[in-house]
Amino acid sequence: MEINSLLGKEFSDTWSYSTILNFKSQIARGYRFGTDEEGEETRTLRTHFFSPAYLQFGVGLYWKKSTDLWLNIAPFTQRITFVSRQFTQDLADGKAYFGVSQERNHLFELGASVSGFYKFEVLENVFFENQLALYTDYLGEPKNIDFDYTLSAYIKVNEYISTRLEIQLVYDDNAVQALQSREVFGVGVSLTL
């Protein structure tokens, strides 16, 4: 689940002062799967609704050439990561859960964010959309840049059928210190009543 809001005040044809708000969480539970000593599959609850949840608020500049091409630069951005204490109460000293320390339920970060969007037509009825979001924390490790990149390919087959292929790459060293990926393929049917 993701909610985005951007409020701006234009000062030229393509530039605006901007305020951004972003909220992200998940609805379903997440599990870590493994195998015990007897070879039986195990699953351990790793995440659930609102754990983790991310709230980001920033001010900066917004550049918009068209609805298909824009960039937001927010050098003053606060990000708060919320988690359930059930995941942090038994952490070992020095360990963290999505960056949140033992016995805590949130992590406050102050940094910079850059986000952008670019959509273009590759062939007739074939569109690519690129979305990129970058964040770095001034208070923690500024050299560690979190990113979230999504490439979507949309194909309109005919008046009634369309397909979409989406590939997402995410890196957040507070969450998982590895590149995460997600792929989605969908077919849509459109009927006018």
Foldseek 3Di string as FASTA:
>chain_A
DKDKDKDWDDPDPFKTKIKIKMKDWDAAWDWDWDADPVRDIDIDTQAHTVAWMKIKIFIFMKGDPDPQKIKTKGFWMKMKTFHDLVNQQPDDPPDAALQHHHSDGMDIFTGIKMKIKHKDAPDVQKIKIKIKMWIAGPVDDRVDIWMKIKIKIKGDPDPFKIKIKMKIWTADVSHPNDIDIDIDIDMGTDDDD
